[in-house]
Amino acid sequence: MARISASVYTSHVPAIGAAFDHGKTGEPYWQKVFAGYEFSKQWLKQHKPDVIFLVFNDHATAFSLEMIPTFAIGTAAEYAVADEGWGPRPVPKVTGHPELASHIAQSVIQQDFDLTIVNKMDVDHGLTVPLSLMCGQTDAWPCPVIPFAVNVVQYPVPSGKRCFMLGQAIRKAVESYDAPLNVQIWGTGGMSHQLQGPRAGLINAEWDNRFLDRLIAEPAALAELPHIDYVREAGSEGIELVMWLIARGAMADVAGGPPPSVAHRFYHVPASNTAVGHLILENPA
């Protein structure tokens, strides 16, 4: 059967993609950000999965305010790179895994989670920036990717507890797939940041690092954190961190298995107006 071997967590700041695309990764401002992913690029080469299940949020490219799915799973064979107003990023198109995606949709819906099934969509920086950070410049991404979009833009948004429970359902779905696939689940977005209003530019490094501590050691308790705490402590866009709880809920220890090992942890401020967080957790073999 398939299994989830690791979870990866990372911010998906659009300015990081722009710096990457325009050859600015070695500039003093950006060098420290990209240095934090050097280990990760080598790790991914050594732990190449068969499929990446990538949790992200769309930024009004695939979904407008006319239609807002809470949870949407991509079941297409491929996904074009979105034009977010300045042309598509010069990165490879994304190849999907329709068979596994459809199986996960069937299983998760039967576990009482309502998913929107998406057979065609373009994917924006929320998905492509994490791939660039983990893979570097490449002519093709290393494996198929299943996009999983979560609404954290327009209220009401899902609770951290709901996301954590969804991760558990995704793990069960993956493990019931009748093929020996090595699957990684990635949670993206965050960390603390606010893009508008009197608190624009807010970064709360102490809260961010405490979130990373709790994500590793006490994810079930962390999942109980109410929305207002994210907004108050991490800014209006800090709510993106509930997507990390989907990835964390899919790890083996949540279902009674052994705890994961921390392969890599990184935190840096600032990157644009955002704190960058990154974590790699490995399930025991």
Protein backbone atom coordinates (compact mmCIF):
# COMPACT_ATOMS: atom_id res chain seq x y z
CA MET A 1 0.00 0.00 0.00
CA ALA A 2 0.95 3.66 -0.29
CA ARG A 3 2.34 5.49 2.73
CA ILE A 4 3.17 9.01 3.82
CA SER A 5 6.90 9.12 4.47
CA ALA A 6 7.36 12.77 5.39
CA SER A 7 5.71 16.15 5.73
CA VAL A 8 7.18 19.45 4.57
CA TYR A 9 6.11 22.88 5.80
CA THR A 10 7.05 26.16 4.19
CA SER A 11 5.97 29.72 3.54
CA HIS A 12 4.99 30.56 -0.04
CA VAL A 13 5.82 34.26 -0.24
CA PRO A 14 5.27 35.56 -3.82
CA ALA A 15 8.31 37.86 -3.62
CA ILE A 16 10.46 34.75 -3.09
CA GLY A 17 9.27 33.48 -6.47
CA ALA A 18 10.08 36.83 -8.07
CA ALA A 19 13.56 36.83 -6.53
CA PHE A 20 14.09 33.28 -7.77
CA ASP A 21 12.86 34.04 -11.29
CA HIS A 22 14.92 37.22 -11.67
CA GLY A 23 18.22 35.79 -10.46
CA LYS A 24 18.31 37.65 -7.14
CA THR A 25 18.86 34.65 -4.86
CA GLY A 26 22.47 35.65 -4.20
CA GLU A 27 21.71 39.25 -3.28
CA PRO A 28 22.36 40.11 0.40
CA TYR A 29 18.68 40.56 1.21
CA TRP A 30 17.65 37.20 -0.26
CA GLN A 31 20.73 35.06 0.29
CA LYS A 32 19.83 34.21 3.89
CA VAL A 33 16.33 33.13 2.87
CA PHE A 34 17.48 30.78 0.14
CA ALA A 35 20.35 29.46 2.24
CA GLY A 36 17.74 28.00 4.58
CA TYR A 37 16.57 25.69 1.79
CA GLU A 38 19.96 24.36 0.65
CA PHE A 39 19.64 21.38 2.98
CA SER A 40 16.08 20.83 1.81
CA LYS A 41 16.99 20.64 -1.86
CA GLN A 42 19.55 17.92 -1.15
CA TRP A 43 17.14 16.15 1.20
CA LEU A 44 14.46 16.03 -1.48
CA LYS A 45 16.90 14.53 -3.97
CA GLN A 46 17.77 11.83 -1.43
CA HIS A 47 14.14 11.27 -0.39
CA LYS A 48 12.40 11.69 -3.72
CA PRO A 49 8.72 10.80 -3.37
CA ASP A 50 6.50 9.21 -5.97
CA VAL A 51 3.81 11.85 -5.34
CA ILE A 52 3.59 15.15 -3.46
CA PHE A 53 0.22 16.06 -1.92
CA LEU A 54 0.57 19.84 -1.71
CA VAL A 55 -1.75 21.88 0.51
CA PHE A 56 -1.90 25.54 -0.48
CA ASN A 57 -4.32 28.41 -0.90
CA ASP A 58 -5.34 29.94 -4.18
CA HIS A 59 -4.92 33.72 -4.44
CA ALA A 60 -7.97 34.55 -6.60
CA THR A 61 -6.58 32.91 -9.73
CA ALA A 62 -8.38 29.56 -9.95
CA PHE A 63 -11.22 30.68 -7.68
CA SER A 64 -12.71 34.17 -7.50
CA LEU A 65 -15.13 35.53 -4.94
CA GLU A 66 -17.88 34.18 -7.20
CA MET A 67 -17.08 30.63 -6.08
CA ILE A 68 -15.14 29.78 -2.91
CA PRO A 69 -14.65 26.10 -2.08
CA THR A 70 -13.47 25.43 1.45
CA PHE A 71 -11.44 22.37 0.39
CA ALA A 72 -10.70 21.58 -3.27
CA ILE A 73 -8.67 18.65 -4.61
CA GLY A 74 -7.11 18.69 -8.06
CA THR A 75 -7.76 15.49 -10.02
CA ALA A 76 -6.38 16.60 -13.40
CA ALA A 77 -3.48 15.11 -15.33
CA GLU A 78 -1.68 18.46 -15.46
CA TYR A 79 -1.94 22.06 -14.29
CA ALA A 80 -0.77 25.19 -16.06
CA VAL A 81 1.11 27.90 -14.16
CA ALA A 82 -1.24 30.81 -13.45
CA ASP A 83 -0.85 34.33 -14.73
CA GLU A 84 -1.22 36.40 -11.54
CA GLY A 85 -1.14 39.74 -13.36
CA TRP A 86 2.46 39.88 -14.58
CA GLY A 87 2.60 36.70 -16.65
CA PRO A 88 3.03 33.09 -15.53
CA ARG A 89 6.18 32.25 -13.56
CA PRO A 90 8.86 30.71 -15.83
CA VAL A 91 8.63 27.32 -14.13
CA PRO A 92 7.51 23.90 -15.39
CA LYS A 93 3.87 22.94 -15.62
CA VAL A 94 2.67 20.66 -12.86
CA THR A 95 1.92 17.03 -13.62
CA GLY A 96 -0.90 15.55 -11.55
CA HIS A 97 -1.74 12.05 -10.37
CA PRO A 98 -5.42 11.58 -11.27
CA GLU A 99 -5.64 8.01 -9.97
CA LEU A 100 -4.40 8.73 -6.46
CA ALA A 101 -6.21 12.07 -6.31
CA SER A 102 -9.51 10.45 -7.26
CA HIS A 103 -8.96 7.71 -4.70
CA ILE A 104 -8.24 10.27 -1.98
CA ALA A 105 -11.36 12.24 -2.93
CA GLN A 106 -13.51 9.11 -2.75
CA SER A 107 -12.05 8.04 0.60
CA VAL A 108 -12.10 11.45 2.26
CA ILE A 109 -15.65 12.21 1.17
CA GLN A 110 -16.73 8.85 2.56
CA GLN A 111 -15.09 9.92 5.82
CA ASP A 112 -17.60 12.80 5.87
CA PHE A 113 -15.42 15.62 4.54
CA ASP A 114 -16.98 17.56 1.68
CA LEU A 115 -14.41 18.22 -1.04
CA THR A 116 -14.74 20.14 -4.29
CA ILE A 117 -13.32 18.05 -7.12
CA VAL A 118 -11.43 20.17 -9.65
CA ASN A 119 -10.65 18.68 -13.06
CA LYS A 120 -9.09 21.84 -14.48
CA MET A 121 -7.33 24.76 -12.81
CA ASP A 122 -4.19 26.86 -13.02
CA VAL A 123 -1.91 26.90 -9.99
CA ASP A 124 -0.39 30.07 -8.58
CA HIS A 125 2.58 30.99 -6.38
CA GLY A 126 1.02 29.24 -3.39
CA LEU A 127 1.97 25.97 -5.07
CA THR A 128 4.89 26.87 -7.35
CA VAL A 129 7.01 28.83 -4.84
CA PRO A 130 7.30 25.85 -2.44
CA LEU A 131 8.27 23.64 -5.38
CA SER A 132 10.94 26.14 -6.45
CA LEU A 133 12.34 26.41 -2.93
CA MET A 134 12.57 22.64 -2.54
CA CYS A 135 13.65 21.76 -6.09
CA GLY A 136 15.60 24.76 -7.36
CA GLN A 137 15.72 25.55 -11.05
CA THR A 138 14.57 22.58 -13.08
CA ASP A 139 13.06 21.67 -16.43
CA ALA A 140 10.51 19.41 -14.73
CA TRP A 141 9.30 18.90 -11.17
CA PRO A 142 10.65 15.64 -9.70
CA CYS A 143 7.29 13.85 -9.39
CA PRO A 144 3.54 14.27 -9.83
CA VAL A 145 1.80 16.74 -7.54
CA ILE A 146 -1.77 16.64 -6.21
CA PRO A 147 -2.90 20.24 -5.52
CA PHE A 148 -5.17 20.66 -2.51
CA ALA A 149 -6.55 24.18 -2.16
CA VAL A 150 -7.90 25.51 1.14
CA ASN A 151 -9.89 28.72 1.52
CA VAL A 152 -8.02 30.94 3.97
CA VAL A 153 -8.81 34.14 2.10
CA GLN A 154 -12.54 34.78 2.52
CA TYR A 155 -14.30 34.15 5.83
CA PRO A 156 -15.62 31.80 7.03
CA VAL A 157 -12.44 29.71 6.86
CA PRO A 158 -11.96 26.20 8.28
CA SER A 159 -10.78 25.79 11.85
CA GLY A 160 -7.39 24.41 12.76
CA LYS A 161 -9.12 21.42 14.37
CA ARG A 162 -11.05 20.69 11.17
CA CYS A 163 -7.83 20.89 9.15
CA PHE A 164 -6.03 18.59 11.58
CA MET A 165 -8.85 16.04 11.34
CA LEU A 166 -8.77 16.31 7.56
CA GLY A 167 -5.08 15.41 7.59
CA GLN A 168 -5.95 12.24 9.46
CA ALA A 169 -8.55 11.37 6.83
CA ILE A 170 -6.00 11.99 4.06
CA ARG A 171 -3.52 9.62 5.75
CA LYS A 172 -6.18 6.88 5.86
CA ALA A 173 -6.98 7.51 2.21
CA VAL A 174 -3.34 7.28 1.14
CA GLU A 175 -2.75 4.10 3.13
CA SER A 176 -5.77 2.43 1.50
CA TYR A 177 -4.42 3.01 -2.02
CA ASP A 178 -3.39 -0.30 -3.55
CA ALA A 179 0.05 0.61 -4.91
CA PRO A 180 3.41 0.95 -3.13
CA LEU A 181 3.69 4.73 -3.49
CA ASN A 182 5.92 6.93 -1.37
CA VAL A 183 3.86 10.06 -0.70
CA GLN A 184 4.94 13.30 0.92
CA ILE A 185 2.40 15.83 2.20
CA TRP A 186 3.34 19.50 2.16
CA GLY A 187 1.61 22.27 4.13
CA THR A 188 2.31 25.79 2.87
CA GLY A 189 1.60 29.43 3.69
CA GLY A 190 2.36 31.70 6.62
CA MET A 191 4.05 32.48 8.87
CA SER A 192 3.07 35.69 10.66
CA HIS A 193 2.21 38.54 8.33
CA GLN A 194 -0.39 41.16 7.62
CA LEU A 195 -0.65 42.91 4.28
CA GLN A 196 -3.09 45.72 5.02
CA GLY A 197 -4.49 48.06 7.66
CA PRO A 198 -2.78 49.71 10.64
CA ARG A 199 -0.84 46.51 11.44
CA ALA A 200 0.53 46.00 7.91
CA GLY A 201 4.02 44.56 8.15
CA LEU A 202 3.37 42.78 11.46
CA ILE A 203 5.81 39.94 12.20
CA ASN A 204 5.71 38.03 15.50
CA ALA A 205 8.85 35.89 15.63
CA GLU A 206 8.27 34.67 19.18
CA TRP A 207 4.78 33.40 18.31
CA ASP A 208 5.99 31.82 15.06
CA ASN A 209 8.71 29.82 16.76
CA ARG A 210 6.33 28.71 19.48
CA PHE A 211 3.98 27.54 16.73
CA LEU A 212 6.82 25.46 15.24
CA ASP A 213 7.60 23.99 18.68
CA ARG A 214 3.98 23.00 19.21
CA LEU A 215 3.55 21.71 15.66
CA ILE A 216 6.35 19.24 16.36
CA ALA A 217 5.55 18.26 19.92
CA GLU A 218 1.85 18.85 20.58
CA PRO A 219 -0.07 19.14 17.30
CA ALA A 220 -3.44 18.03 18.70
CA ALA A 221 -3.39 20.78 21.31
CA LEU A 222 -2.20 23.30 18.75
CA ALA A 223 -5.13 22.37 16.53
CA GLU A 224 -7.50 23.68 19.22
CA LEU A 225 -6.19 27.24 18.77
CA PRO A 226 -9.10 29.52 17.76
CA HIS A 227 -9.04 31.78 14.73
CA ILE A 228 -8.87 34.95 16.78
CA ASP A 229 -5.49 33.88 18.21
CA TYR A 230 -4.00 33.55 14.72
CA VAL A 231 -5.32 36.96 13.70
CA ARG A 232 -4.29 38.71 16.92
CA GLU A 233 -0.83 37.16 17.23
CA ALA A 234 0.17 36.39 13.63
CA GLY A 235 -1.73 38.98 11.61
CA SER A 236 -4.66 38.65 9.25
CA GLU A 237 -2.74 36.42 6.85
CA GLY A 238 -1.30 34.30 9.64
CA ILE A 239 -4.46 32.19 9.37
CA GLU A 240 -2.71 30.40 6.47
CA LEU A 241 -0.96 28.34 9.13
CA VAL A 242 -4.06 26.16 9.58
CA MET A 243 -2.94 24.50 6.32
CA TRP A 244 0.16 23.23 8.10
CA LEU A 245 -2.16 21.35 10.43
CA ILE A 246 -3.50 19.31 7.51
CA ALA A 247 0.01 18.05 6.78
CA ARG A 248 0.74 17.47 10.46
CA GLY A 249 -2.50 15.55 10.97
CA ALA A 250 -1.40 13.09 8.29
CA MET A 251 1.71 11.99 10.22
CA ALA A 252 1.90 8.54 11.83
CA ASP A 253 2.13 9.63 15.48
CA VAL A 254 -1.30 11.24 15.32
CA ALA A 255 -2.73 7.76 14.69
CA GLY A 256 -0.75 6.20 17.54
CA GLY A 257 2.52 5.59 15.73
CA PRO A 258 6.00 6.73 16.75
CA PRO A 259 6.80 10.44 16.70
CA PRO A 260 8.40 11.95 13.60
CA SER A 261 12.01 13.02 13.47
CA VAL A 262 12.93 16.61 12.66
CA ALA A 263 15.12 16.55 9.57
CA HIS A 264 15.36 20.33 9.19
CA ARG A 265 14.04 23.52 10.77
CA PHE A 266 14.53 27.07 9.53
CA TYR A 267 13.12 30.49 10.36
CA HIS A 268 14.02 33.90 8.97
CA VAL A 269 12.69 37.46 8.94
CA PRO A 270 12.02 39.32 6.85
CA ALA A 271 11.24 38.13 3.34
CA SER A 272 9.19 40.90 1.81
CA ASN A 273 6.69 41.68 4.60
CA THR A 274 6.56 38.12 5.85
CA ALA A 275 8.25 35.77 8.26
CA VAL A 276 9.55 32.63 6.52
CA GLY A 277 9.20 29.33 8.33
CA HIS A 278 10.25 25.90 7.12
CA LEU A 279 10.20 22.43 8.65
CA ILE A 280 10.73 18.86 7.45
CA LEU A 281 9.37 15.95 9.52
CA GLU A 282 10.09 12.33 8.66
CA ASN A 283 7.94 9.35 9.62
CA PRO A 284 9.94 6.37 10.89
CA ALA A 285 10.54 3.84 8.13
